[in-house]
Amino acid sequence: MKRHLLAPTLLGATLFAALPLAASAQNASGLNYNYVEGGYVATNLDNDNGDIDADGFGVNASAALSDNFHIFGGYASQDTDTFELVDGGERVNTDANQWRIGLGYNLPIAASTDLVARAAYEKFEIDDVTVDGETFDINEGDDGYSAEVGVRTAFTDNLEGHAFAGYEDYGNDADDFYGRVGAQVKFNPRWGISGDVKFADGDTQWFVGPRFSW
């Protein structure tokens, strides 16, 4: 599906355009906002007839625009396990994509800690749905936005963490508050392993994968 390639390409092009600014931006707290990461993503969604599990791949990136501003984006593609919409009903499987791009503000509040506020445009799309073995092309989605505020801190030279509280809205009563926590273990100034967990009402999302910083 070409849709799987288009969103990461657009995301990469946007962040690439910001590289000249990123190269000169230095954050007073020492935290780095220039990175790209990719890895495994998974979602667990509560349903009246049991949990719905999905997994796939995702990419995230950020580029500093100045000492206190950065742009960021992300893309994830996931397939759900087969599930029943109603007990004893049709067996369903979906292929979904989600991406976002936004602007962040980071303010040093301690030697190695930033207060971070971010807002983003969000897009959620369902490519196709398989019902009892028959696949239907849907290619429909919803546009929305998200806003979050939290802290990011470096505990040591090789370990940093973050915690955010946020709100997202896709319209039509599809809105929710959420919490998000994560960490990065650094092997050296360039490479590390990043992880993130997002909690919402009946919805938990995970990401883990390698991160390259510059």
N, C-alpha and C. Protein backbone atom coordinates (compact mmCIF):
# COMPACT_ATOMS: atom_id res chain seq x y z
N MET A 1 0.84 -1.20 0.00
CA MET A 1 0.00 0.00 0.00
C MET A 1 0.87 1.25 0.00
N LYS A 2 0.66 2.09 -0.99
CA LYS A 2 1.48 3.29 -1.12
C LYS A 2 1.26 4.26 0.02
N ARG A 3 0.09 4.20 0.67
CA ARG A 3 -0.18 5.09 1.81
C ARG A 3 0.83 4.87 2.92
N HIS A 4 1.32 3.64 3.06
CA HIS A 4 2.27 3.33 4.12
C HIS A 4 3.59 4.07 3.91
N LEU A 5 3.92 4.41 2.66
CA LEU A 5 5.17 5.08 2.36
C LEU A 5 5.03 6.59 2.27
N LEU A 6 3.84 7.10 1.92
CA LEU A 6 3.66 8.53 1.71
C LEU A 6 3.83 9.32 2.98
N ALA A 7 3.18 8.93 4.07
CA ALA A 7 3.24 9.70 5.31
C ALA A 7 4.65 9.80 5.88
N PRO A 8 5.42 8.68 5.97
CA PRO A 8 6.79 8.83 6.47
C PRO A 8 7.65 9.71 5.57
N THR A 9 7.40 9.67 4.23
CA THR A 9 8.17 10.49 3.31
C THR A 9 7.91 11.97 3.54
N LEU A 10 6.64 12.34 3.69
CA LEU A 10 6.29 13.74 3.96
C LEU A 10 6.85 14.20 5.30
N LEU A 11 6.76 13.34 6.30
CA LEU A 11 7.31 13.66 7.61
C LEU A 11 8.81 13.90 7.52
N GLY A 12 9.51 13.03 6.81
CA GLY A 12 10.95 13.18 6.68
C GLY A 12 11.34 14.44 5.94
N ALA A 13 10.58 14.78 4.90
CA ALA A 13 10.89 15.98 4.13
C ALA A 13 10.70 17.24 4.96
N THR A 14 9.67 17.28 5.77
CA THR A 14 9.42 18.44 6.62
C THR A 14 10.52 18.63 7.64
N LEU A 15 10.92 17.55 8.29
CA LEU A 15 11.96 17.65 9.29
C LEU A 15 13.33 17.91 8.66
N PHE A 16 13.56 17.39 7.45
CA PHE A 16 14.82 17.65 6.76
C PHE A 16 14.99 19.13 6.47
N ALA A 17 13.87 19.81 6.15
CA ALA A 17 13.94 21.23 5.87
C ALA A 17 14.36 22.03 7.09
N ALA A 18 14.16 21.47 8.29
CA ALA A 18 14.51 22.18 9.52
C ALA A 18 15.93 21.88 9.99
N LEU A 19 16.67 21.03 9.29
CA LEU A 19 18.01 20.64 9.74
C LEU A 19 18.99 21.81 9.87
N PRO A 20 19.00 22.79 8.95
CA PRO A 20 19.93 23.90 9.15
C PRO A 20 19.71 24.63 10.46
N LEU A 21 18.45 24.80 10.87
CA LEU A 21 18.16 25.44 12.15
C LEU A 21 18.54 24.52 13.30
N ALA A 22 18.29 23.22 13.14
CA ALA A 22 18.58 22.27 14.22
C ALA A 22 20.07 22.22 14.53
N ALA A 23 20.88 22.38 13.51
CA ALA A 23 22.32 22.27 13.71
C ALA A 23 22.87 23.37 14.62
N SER A 24 22.20 24.54 14.61
CA SER A 24 22.71 25.66 15.40
C SER A 24 21.99 25.84 16.73
N ALA A 25 20.89 25.13 16.94
CA ALA A 25 20.12 25.30 18.18
C ALA A 25 20.75 24.50 19.31
N GLN A 26 20.92 25.13 20.46
CA GLN A 26 21.46 24.48 21.64
C GLN A 26 20.54 24.76 22.83
N ASN A 27 20.11 23.70 23.50
CA ASN A 27 19.20 23.85 24.62
C ASN A 27 19.99 24.01 25.91
N ALA A 28 19.60 24.99 26.75
CA ALA A 28 20.34 25.29 27.97
C ALA A 28 20.35 24.12 28.95
N SER A 29 19.32 23.27 28.92
CA SER A 29 19.27 22.13 29.84
C SER A 29 20.15 20.98 29.40
N GLY A 30 20.64 21.04 28.17
CA GLY A 30 21.47 19.96 27.65
C GLY A 30 20.67 18.84 27.01
N LEU A 31 19.34 18.89 27.03
CA LEU A 31 18.51 17.87 26.40
C LEU A 31 18.48 18.10 24.89
N ASN A 32 18.50 17.02 24.15
CA ASN A 32 18.60 17.08 22.69
C ASN A 32 17.22 16.90 22.06
N TYR A 33 16.83 17.83 21.18
CA TYR A 33 15.55 17.74 20.48
C TYR A 33 15.74 17.43 19.00
N ASN A 34 16.92 16.93 18.64
CA ASN A 34 17.20 16.52 17.26
C ASN A 34 17.38 15.02 17.22
N TYR A 35 16.37 14.30 16.74
CA TYR A 35 16.49 12.84 16.71
C TYR A 35 15.47 12.24 15.74
N VAL A 36 15.73 10.99 15.38
CA VAL A 36 14.79 10.17 14.64
C VAL A 36 14.83 8.77 15.23
N GLU A 37 13.68 8.13 15.33
CA GLU A 37 13.61 6.80 15.92
C GLU A 37 12.56 5.98 15.19
N GLY A 38 12.75 4.69 15.20
CA GLY A 38 11.79 3.78 14.57
C GLY A 38 11.74 2.48 15.34
N GLY A 39 10.59 1.81 15.29
CA GLY A 39 10.52 0.56 16.04
C GLY A 39 9.14 -0.06 16.04
N TYR A 40 8.91 -0.85 17.05
CA TYR A 40 7.69 -1.64 17.21
C TYR A 40 6.63 -0.84 17.96
N VAL A 41 5.40 -0.87 17.45
CA VAL A 41 4.28 -0.22 18.13
C VAL A 41 3.18 -1.26 18.37
N ALA A 42 2.44 -1.09 19.44
CA ALA A 42 1.34 -1.99 19.77
C ALA A 42 0.25 -1.22 20.50
N THR A 43 -0.99 -1.68 20.34
CA THR A 43 -2.14 -1.05 20.97
C THR A 43 -3.04 -2.12 21.57
N ASN A 44 -3.54 -1.85 22.76
CA ASN A 44 -4.55 -2.69 23.39
C ASN A 44 -5.77 -1.84 23.66
N LEU A 45 -6.89 -2.20 23.06
CA LEU A 45 -8.13 -1.43 23.16
C LEU A 45 -9.22 -2.28 23.80
N ASP A 46 -9.79 -1.77 24.89
CA ASP A 46 -10.88 -2.48 25.55
C ASP A 46 -12.13 -2.45 24.68
N ASN A 47 -12.80 -3.60 24.55
CA ASN A 47 -14.04 -3.72 23.80
C ASN A 47 -15.05 -4.46 24.66
N ASP A 48 -16.33 -4.26 24.39
CA ASP A 48 -17.38 -4.92 25.19
C ASP A 48 -17.25 -6.43 25.15
N ASN A 49 -16.66 -6.95 24.04
CA ASN A 49 -16.53 -8.39 23.90
C ASN A 49 -15.08 -8.85 24.08
N GLY A 50 -14.29 -8.05 24.77
CA GLY A 50 -12.91 -8.42 25.01
C GLY A 50 -11.94 -7.40 24.43
N ASP A 51 -10.66 -7.60 24.71
CA ASP A 51 -9.65 -6.67 24.23
C ASP A 51 -9.40 -6.84 22.74
N ILE A 52 -9.09 -5.73 22.08
CA ILE A 52 -8.66 -5.73 20.68
C ILE A 52 -7.18 -5.36 20.66
N ASP A 53 -6.35 -6.23 20.13
CA ASP A 53 -4.91 -6.01 20.07
C ASP A 53 -4.49 -5.68 18.64
N ALA A 54 -3.54 -4.75 18.53
CA ALA A 54 -2.97 -4.39 17.23
C ALA A 54 -1.48 -4.15 17.40
N ASP A 55 -0.72 -4.37 16.33
CA ASP A 55 0.70 -4.06 16.37
C ASP A 55 1.20 -3.77 14.97
N GLY A 56 2.43 -3.19 14.91
CA GLY A 56 3.01 -2.82 13.63
C GLY A 56 4.31 -2.07 13.84
N PHE A 57 4.53 -1.05 13.01
CA PHE A 57 5.77 -0.29 13.11
C PHE A 57 5.45 1.20 13.19
N GLY A 58 6.42 1.96 13.71
CA GLY A 58 6.24 3.40 13.81
C GLY A 58 7.56 4.13 13.70
N VAL A 59 7.50 5.38 13.28
CA VAL A 59 8.67 6.26 13.22
C VAL A 59 8.30 7.59 13.87
N ASN A 60 9.24 8.17 14.61
CA ASN A 60 9.06 9.48 15.23
C ASN A 60 10.32 10.31 14.98
N ALA A 61 10.15 11.62 14.93
CA ALA A 61 11.30 12.49 14.70
C ALA A 61 11.04 13.85 15.32
N SER A 62 12.12 14.56 15.60
CA SER A 62 12.06 15.90 16.17
C SER A 62 13.26 16.69 15.67
N ALA A 63 13.06 18.00 15.50
CA ALA A 63 14.16 18.89 15.09
C ALA A 63 14.00 20.22 15.80
N ALA A 64 15.08 20.67 16.44
CA ALA A 64 15.06 21.95 17.15
C ALA A 64 15.07 23.10 16.15
N LEU A 65 14.19 24.07 16.37
CA LEU A 65 14.15 25.28 15.55
C LEU A 65 14.96 26.41 16.19
N SER A 66 15.04 26.39 17.51
CA SER A 66 15.78 27.39 18.27
C SER A 66 16.06 26.79 19.64
N ASP A 67 16.56 27.59 20.58
CA ASP A 67 16.81 27.10 21.92
C ASP A 67 15.55 26.57 22.59
N ASN A 68 14.39 27.14 22.24
CA ASN A 68 13.16 26.83 22.97
C ASN A 68 12.03 26.27 22.12
N PHE A 69 12.22 26.12 20.82
CA PHE A 69 11.15 25.59 19.97
C PHE A 69 11.66 24.43 19.13
N HIS A 70 10.77 23.46 18.91
CA HIS A 70 11.10 22.33 18.06
C HIS A 70 9.85 21.87 17.32
N ILE A 71 10.05 21.26 16.16
CA ILE A 71 8.95 20.61 15.47
C ILE A 71 9.10 19.10 15.66
N PHE A 72 7.99 18.39 15.56
CA PHE A 72 8.04 16.94 15.76
C PHE A 72 6.96 16.28 14.91
N GLY A 73 7.10 15.01 14.71
CA GLY A 73 6.10 14.26 13.95
C GLY A 73 6.23 12.78 14.22
N GLY A 74 5.22 12.04 13.79
CA GLY A 74 5.24 10.61 13.98
C GLY A 74 4.28 9.91 13.04
N TYR A 75 4.57 8.66 12.74
CA TYR A 75 3.72 7.84 11.88
C TYR A 75 3.71 6.41 12.41
N ALA A 76 2.54 5.79 12.42
CA ALA A 76 2.42 4.40 12.86
C ALA A 76 1.43 3.66 11.96
N SER A 77 1.76 2.44 11.65
CA SER A 77 0.89 1.57 10.86
C SER A 77 0.69 0.28 11.65
N GLN A 78 -0.58 -0.08 11.89
CA GLN A 78 -0.87 -1.25 12.70
C GLN A 78 -1.99 -2.08 12.09
N ASP A 79 -1.90 -3.39 12.29
CA ASP A 79 -2.96 -4.34 11.93
C ASP A 79 -3.53 -4.92 13.21
N THR A 80 -4.86 -5.00 13.28
CA THR A 80 -5.47 -5.59 14.46
C THR A 80 -5.54 -7.11 14.33
N ASP A 81 -5.53 -7.76 15.48
CA ASP A 81 -5.89 -9.16 15.49
C ASP A 81 -7.36 -9.29 15.12
N THR A 82 -7.75 -10.47 14.66
CA THR A 82 -9.16 -10.70 14.33
C THR A 82 -10.00 -10.66 15.60
N PHE A 83 -11.13 -9.94 15.54
CA PHE A 83 -11.99 -9.80 16.71
C PHE A 83 -13.45 -9.80 16.27
N GLU A 84 -14.35 -9.93 17.24
CA GLU A 84 -15.79 -9.89 17.00
C GLU A 84 -16.36 -8.57 17.51
N LEU A 85 -17.06 -7.84 16.63
CA LEU A 85 -17.69 -6.59 17.05
C LEU A 85 -18.77 -6.85 18.10
N VAL A 86 -19.51 -7.92 17.92
CA VAL A 86 -20.49 -8.37 18.90
C VAL A 86 -20.26 -9.85 19.15
N ASP A 87 -20.64 -10.32 20.32
CA ASP A 87 -20.42 -11.70 20.70
C ASP A 87 -21.10 -12.64 19.72
N GLY A 88 -20.30 -13.53 19.10
CA GLY A 88 -20.84 -14.47 18.13
C GLY A 88 -21.08 -13.86 16.76
N GLY A 89 -20.63 -12.63 16.55
CA GLY A 89 -20.87 -11.95 15.27
C GLY A 89 -19.74 -12.17 14.28
N GLU A 90 -19.69 -11.31 13.28
CA GLU A 90 -18.71 -11.43 12.21
C GLU A 90 -17.29 -11.23 12.74
N ARG A 91 -16.34 -11.94 12.11
CA ARG A 91 -14.94 -11.84 12.48
C ARG A 91 -14.31 -10.71 11.66
N VAL A 92 -13.66 -9.76 12.36
CA VAL A 92 -13.20 -8.53 11.71
C VAL A 92 -11.70 -8.32 11.96
N ASN A 93 -11.02 -7.80 10.94
CA ASN A 93 -9.62 -7.40 11.05
C ASN A 93 -9.45 -6.08 10.31
N THR A 94 -8.68 -5.13 10.88
CA THR A 94 -8.52 -3.82 10.25
C THR A 94 -7.04 -3.47 10.08
N ASP A 95 -6.77 -2.61 9.11
CA ASP A 95 -5.44 -2.08 8.84
C ASP A 95 -5.54 -0.57 8.98
N ALA A 96 -4.84 0.01 9.98
CA ALA A 96 -5.01 1.43 10.30
C ALA A 96 -3.66 2.14 10.34
N ASN A 97 -3.69 3.43 9.99
CA ASN A 97 -2.51 4.29 10.02
C ASN A 97 -2.82 5.55 10.82
N GLN A 98 -1.83 6.06 11.50
CA GLN A 98 -1.99 7.29 12.27
C GLN A 98 -0.71 8.12 12.15
N TRP A 99 -0.88 9.42 11.89
CA TRP A 99 0.29 10.28 11.85
C TRP A 99 -0.04 11.64 12.42
N ARG A 100 1.00 12.37 12.78
CA ARG A 100 0.84 13.69 13.38
C ARG A 100 2.07 14.54 13.11
N ILE A 101 1.88 15.84 13.13
CA ILE A 101 2.99 16.78 13.04
C ILE A 101 2.63 18.01 13.85
N GLY A 102 3.61 18.53 14.60
CA GLY A 102 3.28 19.63 15.50
C GLY A 102 4.48 20.47 15.89
N LEU A 103 4.21 21.40 16.78
CA LEU A 103 5.19 22.35 17.28
C LEU A 103 5.30 22.23 18.79
N GLY A 104 6.53 22.25 19.29
CA GLY A 104 6.75 22.13 20.73
C GLY A 104 7.53 23.31 21.28
N TYR A 105 7.28 23.60 22.57
CA TYR A 105 8.02 24.64 23.29
C TYR A 105 8.67 24.00 24.50
N ASN A 106 9.99 24.16 24.63
CA ASN A 106 10.72 23.56 25.76
C ASN A 106 11.43 24.66 26.55
N LEU A 107 11.17 24.67 27.86
CA LEU A 107 11.72 25.70 28.76
C LEU A 107 12.53 25.03 29.86
N PRO A 108 13.82 25.31 29.96
CA PRO A 108 14.61 24.72 31.05
C PRO A 108 14.12 25.22 32.42
N ILE A 109 13.88 24.27 33.33
CA ILE A 109 13.45 24.63 34.68
C ILE A 109 14.43 24.11 35.73
N ALA A 110 15.44 23.38 35.29
CA ALA A 110 16.51 22.90 36.16
C ALA A 110 17.70 22.59 35.28
N ALA A 111 18.78 22.18 35.89
CA ALA A 111 20.03 21.96 35.15
C ALA A 111 19.87 20.95 34.02
N SER A 112 19.05 19.93 34.22
CA SER A 112 18.87 18.90 33.19
C SER A 112 17.39 18.55 33.00
N THR A 113 16.50 19.51 33.23
CA THR A 113 15.07 19.27 33.14
C THR A 113 14.39 20.39 32.35
N ASP A 114 13.49 20.00 31.45
CA ASP A 114 12.70 20.95 30.67
C ASP A 114 11.21 20.77 30.96
N LEU A 115 10.51 21.90 31.01
CA LEU A 115 9.05 21.91 30.92
C LEU A 115 8.72 21.97 29.44
N VAL A 116 7.87 21.05 28.96
CA VAL A 116 7.61 20.93 27.53
C VAL A 116 6.10 21.03 27.27
N ALA A 117 5.72 21.87 26.31
CA ALA A 117 4.33 21.97 25.86
C ALA A 117 4.31 21.74 24.35
N ARG A 118 3.37 20.92 23.89
CA ARG A 118 3.33 20.57 22.47
C ARG A 118 1.89 20.53 21.97
N ALA A 119 1.71 20.91 20.71
CA ALA A 119 0.41 20.83 20.04
C ALA A 119 0.63 20.25 18.66
N ALA A 120 -0.31 19.43 18.20
CA ALA A 120 -0.11 18.74 16.93
C ALA A 120 -1.41 18.55 16.16
N TYR A 121 -1.28 18.51 14.85
CA TYR A 121 -2.35 18.06 13.96
C TYR A 121 -2.27 16.54 13.89
N GLU A 122 -3.42 15.87 14.00
CA GLU A 122 -3.46 14.42 14.00
C GLU A 122 -4.32 13.90 12.86
N LYS A 123 -3.94 12.74 12.32
CA LYS A 123 -4.72 12.10 11.27
C LYS A 123 -4.78 10.60 11.54
N PHE A 124 -6.00 10.05 11.52
CA PHE A 124 -6.20 8.62 11.71
C PHE A 124 -6.94 8.07 10.49
N GLU A 125 -6.41 7.00 9.89
CA GLU A 125 -6.99 6.44 8.67
C GLU A 125 -7.15 4.93 8.80
N ILE A 126 -8.22 4.41 8.26
CA ILE A 126 -8.41 2.97 8.12
C ILE A 126 -8.30 2.64 6.64
N ASP A 127 -7.29 1.85 6.29
CA ASP A 127 -7.07 1.49 4.89
C ASP A 127 -8.08 0.45 4.41
N ASP A 128 -8.17 -0.65 5.13
CA ASP A 128 -9.09 -1.70 4.71
C ASP A 128 -9.60 -2.46 5.92
N VAL A 129 -10.70 -3.14 5.72
CA VAL A 129 -11.34 -3.95 6.75
C VAL A 129 -11.63 -5.33 6.15
N THR A 130 -11.25 -6.37 6.88
CA THR A 130 -11.54 -7.74 6.47
C THR A 130 -12.64 -8.30 7.35
N VAL A 131 -13.74 -8.74 6.73
CA VAL A 131 -14.89 -9.28 7.46
C VAL A 131 -15.12 -10.71 7.00
N ASP A 132 -14.98 -11.64 7.93
CA ASP A 132 -15.15 -13.06 7.63
C ASP A 132 -14.35 -13.47 6.39
N GLY A 133 -13.10 -12.98 6.30
CA GLY A 133 -12.21 -13.38 5.22
C GLY A 133 -12.30 -12.55 3.95
N GLU A 134 -13.27 -11.65 3.85
CA GLU A 134 -13.41 -10.81 2.66
C GLU A 134 -12.93 -9.39 2.97
N THR A 135 -12.02 -8.87 2.16
CA THR A 135 -11.39 -7.57 2.41
C THR A 135 -12.08 -6.46 1.62
N PHE A 136 -12.33 -5.34 2.30
CA PHE A 136 -12.96 -4.17 1.68
C PHE A 136 -12.03 -2.98 1.84
N ASP A 137 -11.77 -2.26 0.74
CA ASP A 137 -10.99 -1.03 0.79
C ASP A 137 -11.85 0.09 1.36
N ILE A 138 -11.41 0.68 2.46
CA ILE A 138 -12.18 1.74 3.12
C ILE A 138 -11.57 3.11 2.82
N ASN A 139 -10.29 3.27 3.16
CA ASN A 139 -9.56 4.52 2.91
C ASN A 139 -10.32 5.74 3.44
N GLU A 140 -10.75 5.65 4.67
CA GLU A 140 -11.42 6.76 5.33
C GLU A 140 -10.70 7.08 6.64
N GLY A 141 -10.84 8.32 7.08
CA GLY A 141 -10.18 8.70 8.32
C GLY A 141 -10.76 9.95 8.92
N ASP A 142 -10.20 10.33 10.04
CA ASP A 142 -10.62 11.53 10.76
C ASP A 142 -9.42 12.41 11.03
N ASP A 143 -9.66 13.73 10.99
CA ASP A 143 -8.64 14.72 11.33
C ASP A 143 -8.91 15.21 12.75
N GLY A 144 -7.85 15.56 13.45
CA GLY A 144 -8.01 16.07 14.80
C GLY A 144 -6.79 16.82 15.27
N TYR A 145 -6.71 17.01 16.56
CA TYR A 145 -5.57 17.71 17.15
C TYR A 145 -5.28 17.14 18.52
N SER A 146 -4.10 17.42 19.01
CA SER A 146 -3.73 17.03 20.37
C SER A 146 -2.90 18.14 20.99
N ALA A 147 -2.94 18.20 22.31
CA ALA A 147 -2.13 19.15 23.08
C ALA A 147 -1.69 18.45 24.36
N GLU A 148 -0.43 18.67 24.75
CA GLU A 148 0.08 18.02 25.94
C GLU A 148 1.13 18.89 26.61
N VAL A 149 1.29 18.68 27.90
CA VAL A 149 2.31 19.41 28.67
C VAL A 149 2.93 18.42 29.66
N GLY A 150 4.22 18.58 29.88
CA GLY A 150 4.90 17.66 30.80
C GLY A 150 6.34 18.06 31.02
N VAL A 151 7.11 17.12 31.53
CA VAL A 151 8.52 17.37 31.82
C VAL A 151 9.37 16.29 31.16
N ARG A 152 10.58 16.70 30.81
CA ARG A 152 11.58 15.79 30.27
C ARG A 152 12.87 16.05 31.04
N THR A 153 13.51 15.00 31.53
CA THR A 153 14.68 15.19 32.38
C THR A 153 15.74 14.13 32.09
N ALA A 154 16.99 14.52 32.28
CA ALA A 154 18.12 13.59 32.18
C ALA A 154 18.54 13.20 33.60
N PHE A 155 18.34 11.94 33.97
CA PHE A 155 18.72 11.46 35.30
C PHE A 155 20.23 11.27 35.40
N THR A 156 20.82 10.76 34.31
CA THR A 156 22.26 10.58 34.20
C THR A 156 22.65 10.88 32.76
N ASP A 157 23.94 10.72 32.44
CA ASP A 157 24.39 10.91 31.07
C ASP A 157 23.80 9.88 30.13
N ASN A 158 23.37 8.74 30.67
CA ASN A 158 22.90 7.64 29.85
C ASN A 158 21.42 7.29 30.03
N LEU A 159 20.71 8.06 30.85
CA LEU A 159 19.31 7.76 31.09
C LEU A 159 18.50 9.03 31.23
N GLU A 160 17.44 9.13 30.44
CA GLU A 160 16.51 10.26 30.57
C GLU A 160 15.08 9.74 30.51
N GLY A 161 14.15 10.53 31.02
CA GLY A 161 12.76 10.14 31.03
C GLY A 161 11.84 11.31 30.78
N HIS A 162 10.56 11.01 30.53
CA HIS A 162 9.57 12.06 30.32
C HIS A 162 8.22 11.60 30.81
N ALA A 163 7.37 12.57 31.14
CA ALA A 163 6.00 12.32 31.57
C ALA A 163 5.13 13.46 31.08
N PHE A 164 4.00 13.13 30.43
CA PHE A 164 3.11 14.14 29.86
C PHE A 164 1.66 13.83 30.22
N ALA A 165 0.85 14.89 30.30
CA ALA A 165 -0.60 14.78 30.36
C ALA A 165 -1.15 15.54 29.16
N GLY A 166 -2.12 14.95 28.47
CA GLY A 166 -2.59 15.57 27.25
C GLY A 166 -4.06 15.34 26.96
N TYR A 167 -4.49 15.95 25.86
CA TYR A 167 -5.87 15.85 25.40
C TYR A 167 -5.85 15.76 23.88
N GLU A 168 -6.68 14.86 23.32
CA GLU A 168 -6.79 14.74 21.88
C GLU A 168 -8.25 14.70 21.47
N ASP A 169 -8.54 15.24 20.28
CA ASP A 169 -9.92 15.37 19.83
C ASP A 169 -9.98 15.14 18.32
N TYR A 170 -10.77 14.14 17.91
CA TYR A 170 -11.00 13.87 16.49
C TYR A 170 -12.41 14.25 16.06
N GLY A 171 -13.16 14.94 16.93
CA GLY A 171 -14.52 15.31 16.60
C GLY A 171 -15.48 14.15 16.79
N ASN A 172 -16.77 14.44 16.66
CA ASN A 172 -17.82 13.41 16.78
C ASN A 172 -17.70 12.63 18.08
N ASP A 173 -17.43 13.34 19.18
CA ASP A 173 -17.30 12.75 20.51
C ASP A 173 -16.10 11.80 20.64
N ALA A 174 -15.18 11.84 19.67
CA ALA A 174 -13.97 11.02 19.75
C ALA A 174 -12.85 11.83 20.37
N ASP A 175 -13.00 12.13 21.66
CA ASP A 175 -11.98 12.92 22.37
C ASP A 175 -11.66 12.24 23.69
N ASP A 176 -10.48 12.53 24.22
CA ASP A 176 -10.07 11.85 25.44
C ASP A 176 -8.86 12.55 26.04
N PHE A 177 -8.74 12.46 27.36
CA PHE A 177 -7.53 12.85 28.06
C PHE A 177 -6.61 11.63 28.14
N TYR A 178 -5.31 11.87 28.19
CA TYR A 178 -4.38 10.75 28.25
C TYR A 178 -3.14 11.12 29.06
N GLY A 179 -2.41 10.11 29.47
CA GLY A 179 -1.11 10.26 30.10
C GLY A 179 -0.07 9.50 29.30
N ARG A 180 1.16 9.99 29.33
CA ARG A 180 2.22 9.37 28.54
C ARG A 180 3.52 9.43 29.31
N VAL A 181 4.20 8.29 29.43
CA VAL A 181 5.49 8.22 30.12
C VAL A 181 6.46 7.44 29.25
N GLY A 182 7.75 7.75 29.40
CA GLY A 182 8.74 7.04 28.61
C GLY A 182 10.14 7.31 29.08
N ALA A 183 11.10 6.68 28.43
CA ALA A 183 12.50 6.82 28.80
C ALA A 183 13.38 6.52 27.59
N GLN A 184 14.64 6.96 27.70
CA GLN A 184 15.65 6.61 26.70
C GLN A 184 16.93 6.18 27.42
N VAL A 185 17.45 5.04 27.02
CA VAL A 185 18.75 4.58 27.49
C VAL A 185 19.76 4.86 26.39
N LYS A 186 20.78 5.65 26.70
CA LYS A 186 21.77 6.05 25.70
C LYS A 186 23.01 5.16 25.77
N PHE A 187 23.41 4.67 24.61
CA PHE A 187 24.66 3.92 24.52
C PHE A 187 25.85 4.86 24.32
N ASN A 188 25.59 5.95 23.61
CA ASN A 188 26.58 7.00 23.36
C ASN A 188 25.79 8.25 22.96
N PRO A 189 26.45 9.38 22.67
CA PRO A 189 25.69 10.60 22.34
C PRO A 189 24.79 10.47 21.11
N ARG A 190 25.04 9.50 20.23
CA ARG A 190 24.27 9.36 19.00
C ARG A 190 23.16 8.31 19.08
N TRP A 191 23.44 7.19 19.74
CA TRP A 191 22.53 6.05 19.68
C TRP A 191 21.95 5.70 21.06
N GLY A 192 20.70 5.27 21.03
CA GLY A 192 20.05 4.82 22.26
C GLY A 192 18.81 4.00 21.94
N ILE A 193 18.16 3.52 22.97
CA ILE A 193 16.89 2.80 22.87
C ILE A 193 15.82 3.64 23.56
N SER A 194 14.74 3.90 22.84
CA SER A 194 13.65 4.75 23.36
C SER A 194 12.40 3.92 23.57
N GLY A 195 11.65 4.23 24.62
CA GLY A 195 10.39 3.57 24.89
C GLY A 195 9.35 4.55 25.38
N ASP A 196 8.08 4.30 25.06
CA ASP A 196 7.00 5.22 25.43
C ASP A 196 5.71 4.43 25.60
N VAL A 197 4.93 4.78 26.63
CA VAL A 197 3.62 4.16 26.87
C VAL A 197 2.60 5.27 27.04
N LYS A 198 1.49 5.16 26.32
CA LYS A 198 0.41 6.15 26.37
C LYS A 198 -0.85 5.48 26.92
N PHE A 199 -1.43 6.11 27.95
CA PHE A 199 -2.62 5.57 28.60
C PHE A 199 -3.81 6.50 28.38
N ALA A 200 -4.90 5.96 27.85
CA ALA A 200 -6.15 6.70 27.74
C ALA A 200 -7.27 5.80 28.25
N ASP A 201 -8.49 6.28 28.22
CA ASP A 201 -9.62 5.51 28.73
C ASP A 201 -9.84 4.28 27.86
N GLY A 202 -9.48 3.10 28.37
CA GLY A 202 -9.67 1.87 27.63
C GLY A 202 -8.70 1.66 26.49
N ASP A 203 -7.61 2.41 26.45
CA ASP A 203 -6.69 2.36 25.32
C ASP A 203 -5.26 2.52 25.83
N THR A 204 -4.40 1.55 25.52
CA THR A 204 -2.99 1.62 25.89
C THR A 204 -2.14 1.40 24.65
N GLN A 205 -1.15 2.29 24.44
CA GLN A 205 -0.28 2.20 23.27
C GLN A 205 1.18 2.16 23.71
N TRP A 206 1.98 1.33 23.03
CA TRP A 206 3.40 1.18 23.34
C TRP A 206 4.25 1.48 22.11
N PHE A 207 5.45 1.96 22.38
CA PHE A 207 6.46 2.10 21.33
C PHE A 207 7.82 1.76 21.94
N VAL A 208 8.66 1.03 21.20
CA VAL A 208 10.05 0.79 21.62
C VAL A 208 10.89 0.60 20.36
N GLY A 209 12.07 1.23 20.37
CA GLY A 209 12.94 1.10 19.22
C GLY A 209 14.19 1.94 19.36
N PRO A 210 15.13 1.80 18.44
CA PRO A 210 16.38 2.57 18.48
C PRO A 210 16.16 4.03 18.10
N ARG A 211 16.95 4.91 18.69
CA ARG A 211 16.90 6.35 18.40
C ARG A 211 18.30 6.82 17.98
N PHE A 212 18.33 7.63 16.91
CA PHE A 212 19.57 8.29 16.48
C PHE A 212 19.42 9.79 16.73
N SER A 213 20.36 10.39 17.43
CA SER A 213 20.35 11.82 17.73
C SER A 213 21.53 12.49 17.07
N TRP A 214 21.38 13.79 16.78
CA TRP A 214 22.48 14.53 16.18
C TRP A 214 22.59 15.92 16.78
